[in-house]
Amino acid sequence: MQTLSEEQKKELVQMIVENTGLRLDYYGFVEVMLGMFEDIPGFETVKQNAVSLLNELWRKYDEQKAPGTSG
């Protein structure tokens, strides 16, 4: 599986925030992220081995929901 830099992870999360806001629950977030992975060369098979990556991206997304943060 390909790996992503911290900057790339932030960019993916920001794309979701811009397209869906901060209203997704975990399962909605995962569904959207997996859809994005299908468009990234090398990530088409991420569904089989990406739990830790998805959880990391979810934490970055969810942190933006915290009071006092902008987004």
C-alpha atoms as a PDB file:
ATOM      1  CA  MET A   1       0.000   0.000   0.000  1.00  0.00           C
ATOM      2  CA  GLN A   2       1.142   3.530  -0.719  1.00  0.00           C
ATOM      3  CA  THR A   3       1.810   5.871   2.178  1.00  0.00           C
ATOM      4  CA  LEU A   4       0.817   9.487   2.532  1.00  0.00           C
ATOM      5  CA  SER A   5       2.800  12.387   3.928  1.00  0.00           C
ATOM      6  CA  GLU A   6       1.318  14.414   6.766  1.00  0.00           C
ATOM      7  CA  GLU A   7       0.620  17.214   4.289  1.00  0.00           C
ATOM      8  CA  GLN A   8      -1.242  14.838   1.962  1.00  0.00           C
ATOM      9  CA  LYS A   9      -3.313  13.533   4.880  1.00  0.00           C
ATOM     10  CA  LYS A  10      -4.235  17.086   5.869  1.00  0.00           C
ATOM     11  CA  GLU A  11      -5.170  17.871   2.269  1.00  0.00           C
ATOM     12  CA  LEU A  12      -7.460  14.831   2.039  1.00  0.00           C
ATOM     13  CA  VAL A  13      -9.202  15.749   5.269  1.00  0.00           C
ATOM     14  CA  GLN A  14      -9.551  19.373   4.135  1.00  0.00           C
ATOM     15  CA  MET A  15     -11.119  18.231   0.866  1.00  0.00           C
ATOM     16  CA  ILE A  16     -13.764  16.348   2.820  1.00  0.00           C
ATOM     17  CA  VAL A  17     -14.390  19.339   5.096  1.00  0.00           C
ATOM     18  CA  GLU A  18     -14.808  21.610   2.075  1.00  0.00           C
ATOM     19  CA  ASN A  19     -17.176  19.186   0.325  1.00  0.00           C
ATOM     20  CA  THR A  20     -19.256  17.912   3.239  1.00  0.00           C
ATOM     21  CA  GLY A  21     -18.590  20.210   6.168  1.00  0.00           C
ATOM     22  CA  LEU A  22     -18.035  18.776   9.627  1.00  0.00           C
ATOM     23  CA  ARG A  23     -21.284  16.871   9.949  1.00  0.00           C
ATOM     24  CA  LEU A  24     -20.137  13.353   9.031  1.00  0.00           C
ATOM     25  CA  ASP A  25     -20.065  10.569  11.578  1.00  0.00           C
ATOM     26  CA  TYR A  26     -17.255   8.001  11.476  1.00  0.00           C
ATOM     27  CA  TYR A  27     -19.000   5.691   9.035  1.00  0.00           C
ATOM     28  CA  GLY A  28     -19.964   8.502   6.680  1.00  0.00           C
ATOM     29  CA  PHE A  29     -16.400   9.788   6.796  1.00  0.00           C
ATOM     30  CA  VAL A  30     -14.981   6.353   5.986  1.00  0.00           C
ATOM     31  CA  GLU A  31     -17.384   5.950   3.071  1.00  0.00           C
ATOM     32  CA  VAL A  32     -16.382   9.299   1.581  1.00  0.00           C
ATOM     33  CA  MET A  33     -12.679   8.647   2.149  1.00  0.00           C
ATOM     34  CA  LEU A  34     -12.829   5.206   0.531  1.00  0.00           C
ATOM     35  CA  GLY A  35     -14.514   6.801  -2.461  1.00  0.00           C
ATOM     36  CA  MET A  36     -11.657   9.278  -2.696  1.00  0.00           C
ATOM     37  CA  PHE A  37      -9.092   6.477  -2.445  1.00  0.00           C
ATOM     38  CA  GLU A  38     -10.589   4.877  -5.551  1.00  0.00           C
ATOM     39  CA  ASP A  39      -9.503   7.970  -7.501  1.00  0.00           C
ATOM     40  CA  ILE A  40      -5.902   7.901  -6.207  1.00  0.00           C
ATOM     41  CA  PRO A  41      -3.571   5.632  -8.180  1.00  0.00           C
ATOM     42  CA  GLY A  42      -2.263   2.868  -5.927  1.00  0.00           C
ATOM     43  CA  PHE A  43      -5.016   3.257  -3.337  1.00  0.00           C
ATOM     44  CA  GLU A  44      -7.712   1.271  -5.123  1.00  0.00           C
ATOM     45  CA  THR A  45      -7.174  -1.688  -2.785  1.00  0.00           C
ATOM     46  CA  VAL A  46      -6.957   0.365   0.396  1.00  0.00           C
ATOM     47  CA  LYS A  47     -10.194  -1.177   1.717  1.00  0.00           C
ATOM     48  CA  GLN A  48      -8.340  -4.353   2.607  1.00  0.00           C
ATOM     49  CA  ASN A  49      -5.594  -2.845   4.748  1.00  0.00           C
ATOM     50  CA  ALA A  50      -6.289   0.770   5.657  1.00  0.00           C
ATOM     51  CA  VAL A  51      -7.976   0.685   9.046  1.00  0.00           C
ATOM     52  CA  SER A  52      -5.131   2.514  10.778  1.00  0.00           C
ATOM     53  CA  LEU A  53      -4.895   5.123   8.000  1.00  0.00           C
ATOM     54  CA  LEU A  54      -8.654   5.700   8.033  1.00  0.00           C
ATOM     55  CA  ASN A  55      -8.627   6.032  11.818  1.00  0.00           C
ATOM     56  CA  GLU A  56      -5.784   8.544  11.643  1.00  0.00           C
ATOM     57  CA  LEU A  57      -7.601  10.592   8.997  1.00  0.00           C
ATOM     58  CA  TRP A  58     -10.815  10.400  11.033  1.00  0.00           C
ATOM     59  CA  ARG A  59      -9.016  11.816  14.082  1.00  0.00           C
ATOM     60  CA  LYS A  60      -7.747  14.748  11.999  1.00  0.00           C
ATOM     61  CA  TYR A  61     -11.271  15.376  10.713  1.00  0.00           C
ATOM     62  CA  ASP A  62     -12.928  14.956  14.109  1.00  0.00           C
ATOM     63  CA  GLU A  63     -10.454  17.311  15.810  1.00  0.00           C
ATOM     64  CA  GLN A  64     -11.778  20.086  13.615  1.00  0.00           C
ATOM     65  CA  LYS A  65     -15.212  19.672  15.206  1.00  0.00           C
ATOM     66  CA  ALA A  66     -13.854  20.623  18.642  1.00  0.00           C
ATOM     67  CA  PRO A  67     -15.146  23.929  20.082  1.00  0.00           C
ATOM     68  CA  GLY A  68     -12.845  26.835  19.453  1.00  0.00           C
ATOM     69  CA  THR A  69     -11.401  25.522  16.216  1.00  0.00           C
ATOM     70  CA  SER A  70     -12.046  27.072  12.866  1.00  0.00           C
ATOM     71  CA  GLY A  71     -12.931  25.133   9.778  1.00  0.00           C
END
